[in-house]
């Protein structure tokens, strides 16, 4: 895996973690609707999937 792919994988995993934390905080504060939280978690899940695909492709 070259450095560009490893950086991209890292960034995608950081995005997924950040979105999960945002969802937890917004859920606790009750400032966002369930639909918004579901969309944010969906985007995070897509980021994790893309990071996994890029990692498996180069392995």
PDB file of N, CA and C in Angstrom:
ATOM      1  N   UNK A   1       0.841  -1.168   0.000  1.00  0.00           N
ATOM      2  CA  UNK A   1       0.000   0.000   0.000  1.00  0.00           C
ATOM      3  C   UNK A   1       0.891   1.238   0.000  1.00  0.00           C
ATOM      4  N   UNK A   2       0.686   2.090  -0.971  1.00  0.00           N
ATOM      5  CA  UNK A   2       1.514   3.290  -1.019  1.00  0.00           C
ATOM      6  C   UNK A   2       0.997   4.340  -0.039  1.00  0.00           C
ATOM      7  N   UNK A   3       1.745   5.403   0.117  1.00  0.00           N
ATOM      8  CA  UNK A   3       1.417   6.390   1.145  1.00  0.00           C
ATOM      9  C   UNK A   3       0.106   7.119   0.854  1.00  0.00           C
ATOM     10  N   UNK A   4      -0.201   7.341  -0.406  1.00  0.00           N
ATOM     11  CA  UNK A   4      -1.445   8.031  -0.747  1.00  0.00           C
ATOM     12  C   UNK A   4      -2.655   7.196  -0.337  1.00  0.00           C
ATOM     13  N   UNK A   5      -2.609   5.906  -0.604  1.00  0.00           N
ATOM     14  CA  UNK A   5      -3.724   5.029  -0.245  1.00  0.00           C
ATOM     15  C   UNK A   5      -3.845   4.872   1.267  1.00  0.00           C
ATOM     16  N   UNK A   6      -2.716   4.828   1.965  1.00  0.00           N
ATOM     17  CA  UNK A   6      -2.780   4.701   3.413  1.00  0.00           C
ATOM     18  C   UNK A   6      -3.319   5.984   4.050  1.00  0.00           C
ATOM     19  N   UNK A   7      -2.971   7.135   3.500  1.00  0.00           N
ATOM     20  CA  UNK A   7      -3.506   8.397   4.006  1.00  0.00           C
ATOM     21  C   UNK A   7      -5.006   8.467   3.742  1.00  0.00           C
ATOM     22  N   UNK A   8      -5.433   8.051   2.565  1.00  0.00           N
ATOM     23  CA  UNK A   8      -6.854   8.075   2.235  1.00  0.00           C
ATOM     24  C   UNK A   8      -7.642   7.142   3.152  1.00  0.00           C
ATOM     25  N   UNK A   9      -7.100   5.976   3.416  1.00  0.00           N
ATOM     26  CA  UNK A   9      -7.752   5.034   4.322  1.00  0.00           C
ATOM     27  C   UNK A   9      -7.847   5.617   5.725  1.00  0.00           C
ATOM     28  N   UNK A  10      -6.789   6.258   6.186  1.00  0.00           N
ATOM     29  CA  UNK A  10      -6.784   6.882   7.501  1.00  0.00           C
ATOM     30  C   UNK A  10      -7.819   7.998   7.580  1.00  0.00           C
ATOM     31  N   UNK A  11      -7.876   8.841   6.572  1.00  0.00           N
ATOM     32  CA  UNK A  11      -8.817   9.960   6.557  1.00  0.00           C
ATOM     33  C   UNK A  11     -10.259   9.448   6.564  1.00  0.00           C
ATOM     34  N   UNK A  12     -10.533   8.413   5.796  1.00  0.00           N
ATOM     35  CA  UNK A  12     -11.884   7.853   5.772  1.00  0.00           C
ATOM     36  C   UNK A  12     -12.275   7.281   7.130  1.00  0.00           C
ATOM     37  N   UNK A  13     -11.344   6.620   7.804  1.00  0.00           N
ATOM     38  CA  UNK A  13     -11.651   6.083   9.133  1.00  0.00           C
ATOM     39  C   UNK A  13     -11.843   7.201  10.150  1.00  0.00           C
ATOM     40  N   UNK A  14     -11.078   8.284  10.034  1.00  0.00           N
ATOM     41  CA  UNK A  14     -11.245   9.430  10.933  1.00  0.00           C
ATOM     42  C   UNK A  14     -12.601  10.092  10.703  1.00  0.00           C
ATOM     43  N   UNK A  15     -13.005  10.214   9.459  1.00  0.00           N
ATOM     44  CA  UNK A  15     -14.318  10.787   9.143  1.00  0.00           C
ATOM     45  C   UNK A  15     -15.421   9.947   9.764  1.00  0.00           C
ATOM     46  N   UNK A  16     -15.321   8.634   9.646  1.00  0.00           N
ATOM     47  CA  UNK A  16     -16.333   7.750  10.213  1.00  0.00           C
ATOM     48  C   UNK A  16     -16.395   7.891  11.727  1.00  0.00           C
ATOM     49  N   UNK A  17     -15.255   7.943  12.380  1.00  0.00           N
ATOM     50  CA  UNK A  17     -15.223   8.104  13.835  1.00  0.00           C
ATOM     51  C   UNK A  17     -15.797   9.455  14.246  1.00  0.00           C
ATOM     52  N   UNK A  18     -15.454  10.502  13.528  1.00  0.00           N
ATOM     53  CA  UNK A  18     -15.960  11.836  13.846  1.00  0.00           C
ATOM     54  C   UNK A  18     -17.479  11.894  13.698  1.00  0.00           C
ATOM     55  N   UNK A  19     -18.008  11.295  12.658  1.00  0.00           N
ATOM     56  CA  UNK A  19     -19.454  11.301  12.467  1.00  0.00           C
ATOM     57  C   UNK A  19     -20.161  10.504  13.554  1.00  0.00           C
ATOM     58  N   UNK A  20     -19.563   9.415  14.002  1.00  0.00           N
ATOM     59  CA  UNK A  20     -20.156   8.645  15.092  1.00  0.00           C
ATOM     60  C   UNK A  20     -20.190   9.471  16.376  1.00  0.00           C
ATOM     61  N   UNK A  21     -19.120  10.192  16.659  1.00  0.00           N
ATOM     62  CA  UNK A  21     -19.076  11.033  17.855  1.00  0.00           C
ATOM     63  C   UNK A  21     -20.095  12.163  17.753  1.00  0.00           C
ATOM     64  N   UNK A  22     -20.204  12.761  16.584  1.00  0.00           N
ATOM     65  CA  UNK A  22     -21.188  13.824  16.375  1.00  0.00           C
ATOM     66  C   UNK A  22     -22.598  13.304  16.606  1.00  0.00           C
ATOM     67  N   UNK A  23     -22.880  12.113  16.119  1.00  0.00           N
ATOM     68  CA  UNK A  23     -24.210  11.529  16.312  1.00  0.00           C
ATOM     69  C   UNK A  23     -24.496  11.291  17.787  1.00  0.00           C
ATOM     70  N   UNK A  24     -23.527  10.817  18.519  1.00  0.00           N
ATOM     71  CA  UNK A  24     -23.721  10.588  19.952  1.00  0.00           C
ATOM     72  C   UNK A  24     -23.999  11.910  20.664  1.00  0.00           C
ATOM     73  N   UNK A  25     -23.207  12.924  20.369  1.00  0.00           N
ATOM     74  CA  UNK A  25     -23.378  14.220  21.034  1.00  0.00           C
ATOM     75  C   UNK A  25     -24.723  14.845  20.664  1.00  0.00           C
ATOM     76  N   UNK A  26     -25.058  14.851  19.382  1.00  0.00           N
ATOM     77  CA  UNK A  26     -26.331  15.432  18.964  1.00  0.00           C
ATOM     78  C   UNK A  26     -27.510  14.652  19.532  1.00  0.00           C
ATOM     79  N   UNK A  27     -27.362  13.348  19.647  1.00  0.00           N
ATOM     80  CA  UNK A  27     -28.416  12.541  20.236  1.00  0.00           C
ATOM     81  C   UNK A  27     -28.603  12.834  21.710  1.00  0.00           C
ATOM     82  N   UNK A  28     -27.510  13.001  22.428  1.00  0.00           N
ATOM     83  CA  UNK A  28     -27.600  13.322  23.855  1.00  0.00           C
ATOM     84  C   UNK A  28     -28.183  14.708  24.095  1.00  0.00           C
ATOM     85  N   UNK A  29     -27.830  15.647  23.234  1.00  0.00           N
ATOM     86  CA  UNK A  29     -28.347  17.005  23.370  1.00  0.00           C
ATOM     87  C   UNK A  29     -29.752  17.160  22.796  1.00  0.00           C
ATOM     88  N   UNK A  30     -30.207  16.153  22.074  1.00  0.00           N
ATOM     89  CA  UNK A  30     -31.524  16.152  21.425  1.00  0.00           C
ATOM     90  C   UNK A  30     -31.720  17.370  20.526  1.00  0.00           C
ATOM     91  N   UNK A  31     -30.704  17.679  19.738  1.00  0.00           N
ATOM     92  CA  UNK A  31     -30.767  18.827  18.832  1.00  0.00           C
ATOM     93  C   UNK A  31     -30.958  18.417  17.374  1.00  0.00           C
ATOM     94  N   UNK A  32     -30.905  17.143  17.092  1.00  0.00           N
ATOM     95  CA  UNK A  32     -31.070  16.673  15.720  1.00  0.00           C
ATOM     96  C   UNK A  32     -32.150  15.601  15.686  1.00  0.00           C
ATOM     97  N   UNK A  33     -32.800  15.499  14.550  1.00  0.00           N
ATOM     98  CA  UNK A  33     -33.838  14.480  14.397  1.00  0.00           C
ATOM     99  C   UNK A  33     -33.194  13.111  14.165  1.00  0.00           C
ATOM    100  N   UNK A  34     -33.993  12.091  14.333  1.00  0.00           N
ATOM    101  CA  UNK A  34     -33.516  10.720  14.115  1.00  0.00           C
ATOM    102  C   UNK A  34     -33.095  10.535  12.655  1.00  0.00           C
ATOM    103  N   UNK A  35     -33.804  11.171  11.748  1.00  0.00           N
ATOM    104  CA  UNK A  35     -33.465  11.052  10.328  1.00  0.00           C
ATOM    105  C   UNK A  35     -32.079  11.639  10.049  1.00  0.00           C
ATOM    106  N   UNK A  36     -31.779  12.772  10.662  1.00  0.00           N
ATOM    107  CA  UNK A  36     -30.467  13.396  10.490  1.00  0.00           C
ATOM    108  C   UNK A  36     -29.365  12.504  11.049  1.00  0.00           C
ATOM    109  N   UNK A  37     -29.607  11.941  12.219  1.00  0.00           N
ATOM    110  CA  UNK A  37     -28.612  11.049  12.821  1.00  0.00           C
ATOM    111  C   UNK A  37     -28.397   9.811  11.953  1.00  0.00           C
ATOM    112  N   UNK A  38     -29.475   9.288  11.381  1.00  0.00           N
ATOM    113  CA  UNK A  38     -29.345   8.117  10.515  1.00  0.00           C
ATOM    114  C   UNK A  38     -28.532   8.437   9.269  1.00  0.00           C
ATOM    115  N   UNK A  39     -28.742   9.613   8.707  1.00  0.00           N
ATOM    116  CA  UNK A  39     -27.972  10.013   7.527  1.00  0.00           C
ATOM    117  C   UNK A  39     -26.493  10.156   7.880  1.00  0.00           C
ATOM    118  N   UNK A  40     -26.200  10.781   9.007  1.00  0.00           N
ATOM    119  CA  UNK A  40     -24.803  10.947   9.425  1.00  0.00           C
ATOM    120  C   UNK A  40     -24.139   9.591   9.655  1.00  0.00           C
ATOM    121  N   UNK A  41     -24.845   8.682  10.310  1.00  0.00           N
ATOM    122  CA  UNK A  41     -24.276   7.351  10.520  1.00  0.00           C
ATOM    123  C   UNK A  41     -24.106   6.595   9.207  1.00  0.00           C
ATOM    124  N   UNK A  42     -25.017   6.827   8.267  1.00  0.00           N
ATOM    125  CA  UNK A  42     -24.896   6.206   6.952  1.00  0.00           C
ATOM    126  C   UNK A  42     -23.670   6.690   6.200  1.00  0.00           C
ATOM    127  N   UNK A  43     -23.406   7.972   6.269  1.00  0.00           N
ATOM    128  CA  UNK A  43     -22.211   8.529   5.620  1.00  0.00           C
ATOM    129  C   UNK A  43     -20.952   7.957   6.268  1.00  0.00           C
ATOM    130  N   UNK A  44     -20.974   7.835   7.596  1.00  0.00           N
ATOM    131  CA  UNK A  44     -19.839   7.226   8.285  1.00  0.00           C
ATOM    132  C   UNK A  44     -19.630   5.781   7.878  1.00  0.00           C
ATOM    133  N   UNK A  45     -20.724   5.042   7.725  1.00  0.00           N
ATOM    134  CA  UNK A  45     -20.627   3.650   7.299  1.00  0.00           C
ATOM    135  C   UNK A  45     -20.063   3.535   5.886  1.00  0.00           C
ATOM    136  N   UNK A  46     -20.450   4.442   5.018  1.00  0.00           N
ATOM    137  CA  UNK A  46     -19.892   4.455   3.661  1.00  0.00           C
ATOM    138  C   UNK A  46     -18.394   4.731   3.706  1.00  0.00           C
ATOM    139  N   UNK A  47     -17.972   5.635   4.576  1.00  0.00           N
ATOM    140  CA  UNK A  47     -16.543   5.935   4.703  1.00  0.00           C
ATOM    141  C   UNK A  47     -15.766   4.712   5.174  1.00  0.00           C
ATOM    142  N   UNK A  48     -16.321   3.973   6.140  1.00  0.00           N
ATOM    143  CA  UNK A  48     -15.658   2.755   6.609  1.00  0.00           C
ATOM    144  C   UNK A  48     -15.597   1.720   5.494  1.00  0.00           C
ATOM    145  N   UNK A  49     -16.668   1.596   4.735  1.00  0.00           N
ATOM    146  CA  UNK A  49     -16.689   0.639   3.628  1.00  0.00           C
ATOM    147  C   UNK A  49     -15.644   0.987   2.573  1.00  0.00           C
ATOM    148  N   UNK A  50     -15.538   2.263   2.237  1.00  0.00           N
ATOM    149  CA  UNK A  50     -14.536   2.676   1.253  1.00  0.00           C
ATOM    150  C   UNK A  50     -13.120   2.431   1.754  1.00  0.00           C
ATOM    151  N   UNK A  51     -12.894   2.665   3.036  1.00  0.00           N
ATOM    152  CA  UNK A  51     -11.566   2.401   3.602  1.00  0.00           C
ATOM    153  C   UNK A  51     -11.263   0.904   3.541  1.00  0.00           C
ATOM    154  N   UNK A  52     -12.244   0.070   3.827  1.00  0.00           N
ATOM    155  CA  UNK A  52     -12.042  -1.380   3.754  1.00  0.00           C
ATOM    156  C   UNK A  52     -11.808  -1.876   2.342  1.00  0.00           C
ATOM    157  N   UNK A  53     -12.534  -1.310   1.402  1.00  0.00           N
ATOM    158  CA  UNK A  53     -12.347  -1.705   0.004  1.00  0.00           C
ATOM    159  C   UNK A  53     -10.951  -1.340  -0.466  1.00  0.00           C
ATOM    160  N   UNK A  54     -10.502  -0.137  -0.136  1.00  0.00           N
ATOM    161  CA  UNK A  54      -9.172   0.273  -0.593  1.00  0.00           C
ATOM    162  C   UNK A  54      -8.090  -0.567   0.067  1.00  0.00           C
ATOM    163  N   UNK A  55      -8.304  -0.968   1.314  1.00  0.00           N
ATOM    164  CA  UNK A  55      -7.320  -1.794   2.003  1.00  0.00           C
ATOM    165  C   UNK A  55      -7.285  -3.203   1.398  1.00  0.00           C
ATOM    166  N   UNK A  56      -8.458  -3.786   1.105  1.00  0.00           N
ATOM    167  CA  UNK A  56      -8.509  -5.136   0.530  1.00  0.00           C
ATOM    168  C   UNK A  56      -7.995  -5.176  -0.899  1.00  0.00           C
ATOM    169  N   UNK A  57      -8.179  -4.100  -1.628  1.00  0.00           N
ATOM    170  CA  UNK A  57      -7.733  -4.063  -3.018  1.00  0.00           C
ATOM    171  C   UNK A  57      -6.220  -4.117  -3.125  1.00  0.00           C
ATOM    172  N   UNK A  58      -5.519  -3.494  -2.178  1.00  0.00           N
ATOM    173  CA  UNK A  58      -4.078  -3.432  -2.252  1.00  0.00           C
ATOM    174  C   UNK A  58      -3.398  -4.600  -1.533  1.00  0.00           C
ATOM    175  N   UNK A  59      -4.150  -5.359  -0.767  1.00  0.00           N
ATOM    176  CA  UNK A  59      -3.545  -6.479  -0.006  1.00  0.00           C
ATOM    177  C   UNK A  59      -3.235  -7.662  -0.889  1.00  0.00           C
TER     178      UNK A  59
END
